[in-house]
Structure formats: structure tokens, C-alpha cells
């Protein structure tokens, strides 16, 4: 799942951060290699979204953070920000 989180500049003009969150889910039986592949897939998607002209326009005036979370079953195996 993909989420774009933007500050409400009308009510909170001092908030200068926006976020794209990429969530990935794998079955509990997924291998470490499958988790790593999903993690890399999330990286690619986040980078693609961050370069989108609409996203750039919506996030103007804020620092954009790219976050990914990968679950194997109910266990969160990866939760990190990526640099771009």
C-alpha cells in the first residue's frame, strides 16, 4: 500500500515535512530472499513516486521523507527511511 502524507499548512504552517510510506506484506512462510526482493521493490516505487511532478508540487515547501515497512506475516521485518 502507498500513502502520501502532507501537512495541513492552513492550520499548521510550521510543519515542514511530508512523507511517502510504502507498505509491503509477505506470507509468514516467505524467505529472507523474498523479503529482500520486496524491500528493493519498495525502494524503486518510493523513488519513482518522489520524482512524480504531482507529488513534487504537492510537497513543495516541505522536506519529503521516503519510508518503507515490510511485514512477513504479523512481524515487521523492515521499517526504515530511504535516502534519495
C-alpha atoms as a PDB file:
ATOM      1  CA  UNK A   1       0.000   0.000   0.000  1.00  0.00           C
ATOM      2  CA  UNK A   2       1.098   3.527  -0.700  1.00  0.00           C
ATOM      3  CA  UNK A   3       0.394   6.563   1.453  1.00  0.00           C
ATOM      4  CA  UNK A   4       1.218  10.207   0.781  1.00  0.00           C
ATOM      5  CA  UNK A   5       1.035  12.259   3.974  1.00  0.00           C
ATOM      6  CA  UNK A   6       1.026  16.034   3.675  1.00  0.00           C
ATOM      7  CA  UNK A   7       0.846  18.665   6.412  1.00  0.00           C
ATOM      8  CA  UNK A   8      -2.245  20.818   6.758  1.00  0.00           C
ATOM      9  CA  UNK A   9      -0.475  24.115   6.056  1.00  0.00           C
ATOM     10  CA  UNK A  10      -3.636  26.124   6.782  1.00  0.00           C
ATOM     11  CA  UNK A  11      -3.810  25.010  10.411  1.00  0.00           C
ATOM     12  CA  UNK A  12      -0.172  24.027  10.982  1.00  0.00           C
ATOM     13  CA  UNK A  13       2.017  26.332   8.874  1.00  0.00           C
ATOM     14  CA  UNK A  14       5.168  25.425  10.818  1.00  0.00           C
ATOM     15  CA  UNK A  15       5.140  21.757   9.808  1.00  0.00           C
ATOM     16  CA  UNK A  16       7.676  21.379   7.040  1.00  0.00           C
ATOM     17  CA  UNK A  17       7.687  17.629   6.426  1.00  0.00           C
ATOM     18  CA  UNK A  18       5.783  15.321   4.103  1.00  0.00           C
ATOM     19  CA  UNK A  19       6.013  11.558   3.765  1.00  0.00           C
ATOM     20  CA  UNK A  20       5.514   8.752   1.307  1.00  0.00           C
ATOM     21  CA  UNK A  21       5.018   5.445   3.100  1.00  0.00           C
ATOM     22  CA  UNK A  22       5.280   2.175   1.193  1.00  0.00           C
ATOM     23  CA  UNK A  23       3.901  -0.905   2.963  1.00  0.00           C
ATOM     24  CA  UNK A  24       4.708  -4.414   1.766  1.00  0.00           C
ATOM     25  CA  UNK A  25       3.302  -7.673   3.088  1.00  0.00           C
ATOM     26  CA  UNK A  26       4.573 -11.214   2.597  1.00  0.00           C
ATOM     27  CA  UNK A  27       3.197 -14.506   3.859  1.00  0.00           C
ATOM     28  CA  UNK A  28       4.673 -15.793   7.128  1.00  0.00           C
ATOM     29  CA  UNK A  29       6.492 -18.514   5.179  1.00  0.00           C
ATOM     30  CA  UNK A  30       8.372 -16.041   2.947  1.00  0.00           C
ATOM     31  CA  UNK A  31      12.127 -16.498   2.754  1.00  0.00           C
ATOM     32  CA  UNK A  32      14.711 -13.866   3.618  1.00  0.00           C
ATOM     33  CA  UNK A  33      15.426 -13.542  -0.113  1.00  0.00           C
ATOM     34  CA  UNK A  34      11.747 -12.800  -0.784  1.00  0.00           C
ATOM     35  CA  UNK A  35      11.737 -10.169   1.963  1.00  0.00           C
ATOM     36  CA  UNK A  36      14.836  -8.553   0.451  1.00  0.00           C
ATOM     37  CA  UNK A  37      13.249  -8.580  -3.019  1.00  0.00           C
ATOM     38  CA  UNK A  38      10.109  -6.847  -1.663  1.00  0.00           C
ATOM     39  CA  UNK A  39      12.301  -4.322   0.125  1.00  0.00           C
ATOM     40  CA  UNK A  40      14.113  -3.465  -3.107  1.00  0.00           C
ATOM     41  CA  UNK A  41      10.775  -3.254  -4.921  1.00  0.00           C
ATOM     42  CA  UNK A  42       9.592  -0.755  -2.294  1.00  0.00           C
ATOM     43  CA  UNK A  43      12.775   1.304  -2.797  1.00  0.00           C
ATOM     44  CA  UNK A  44      12.107   1.515  -6.524  1.00  0.00           C
ATOM     45  CA  UNK A  45       8.492   2.508  -6.048  1.00  0.00           C
ATOM     46  CA  UNK A  46       9.354   5.187  -3.488  1.00  0.00           C
ATOM     47  CA  UNK A  47      11.995   6.702  -5.749  1.00  0.00           C
ATOM     48  CA  UNK A  48       9.566   6.691  -8.676  1.00  0.00           C
ATOM     49  CA  UNK A  49       6.849   8.391  -6.626  1.00  0.00           C
ATOM     50  CA  UNK A  50       9.272  11.005  -5.269  1.00  0.00           C
ATOM     51  CA  UNK A  51      10.109  12.099  -8.827  1.00  0.00           C
ATOM     52  CA  UNK A  52       6.476  12.438  -9.909  1.00  0.00           C
ATOM     53  CA  UNK A  53       5.618  16.027 -10.868  1.00  0.00           C
ATOM     54  CA  UNK A  54       2.312  15.980  -8.981  1.00  0.00           C
ATOM     55  CA  UNK A  55       3.984  14.694  -5.817  1.00  0.00           C
ATOM     56  CA  UNK A  56       6.682  17.348  -6.178  1.00  0.00           C
ATOM     57  CA  UNK A  57       4.026  20.043  -6.491  1.00  0.00           C
ATOM     58  CA  UNK A  58       2.029  18.776  -3.508  1.00  0.00           C
ATOM     59  CA  UNK A  59       5.152  18.501  -1.346  1.00  0.00           C
ATOM     60  CA  UNK A  60       6.669  21.846  -2.313  1.00  0.00           C
ATOM     61  CA  UNK A  61       7.835  23.781   0.716  1.00  0.00           C
ATOM     62  CA  UNK A  62       8.329  20.611   2.753  1.00  0.00           C
ATOM     63  CA  UNK A  63      11.085  18.081   3.210  1.00  0.00           C
ATOM     64  CA  UNK A  64       9.929  14.810   1.656  1.00  0.00           C
ATOM     65  CA  UNK A  65      10.725  11.622   3.580  1.00  0.00           C
ATOM     66  CA  UNK A  66      10.513   8.178   1.966  1.00  0.00           C
ATOM     67  CA  UNK A  67       9.571   5.405   4.387  1.00  0.00           C
ATOM     68  CA  UNK A  68       9.219   1.681   3.821  1.00  0.00           C
ATOM     69  CA  UNK A  69       7.808  -1.035   6.017  1.00  0.00           C
ATOM     70  CA  UNK A  70       7.895  -4.722   5.113  1.00  0.00           C
ATOM     71  CA  UNK A  71       5.881  -7.305   7.039  1.00  0.00           C
ATOM     72  CA  UNK A  72       6.410 -11.067   6.998  1.00  0.00           C
ATOM     73  CA  UNK A  73       3.126 -12.270   8.396  1.00  0.00           C
ATOM     74  CA  UNK A  74       2.423 -10.196  11.507  1.00  0.00           C
ATOM     75  CA  UNK A  75       6.129  -9.445  12.037  1.00  0.00           C
ATOM     76  CA  UNK A  76       7.565  -6.150  10.865  1.00  0.00           C
ATOM     77  CA  UNK A  77      10.918  -7.150   9.365  1.00  0.00           C
ATOM     78  CA  UNK A  78      11.948  -3.821   7.826  1.00  0.00           C
ATOM     79  CA  UNK A  79      11.000  -0.292   8.829  1.00  0.00           C
ATOM     80  CA  UNK A  80      13.322   2.390   7.535  1.00  0.00           C
ATOM     81  CA  UNK A  81      13.685   5.662   5.696  1.00  0.00           C
ATOM     82  CA  UNK A  82      15.489   5.596   2.374  1.00  0.00           C
ATOM     83  CA  UNK A  83      17.721   8.326   1.027  1.00  0.00           C
ATOM     84  CA  UNK A  84      17.251   9.773  -2.413  1.00  0.00           C
END
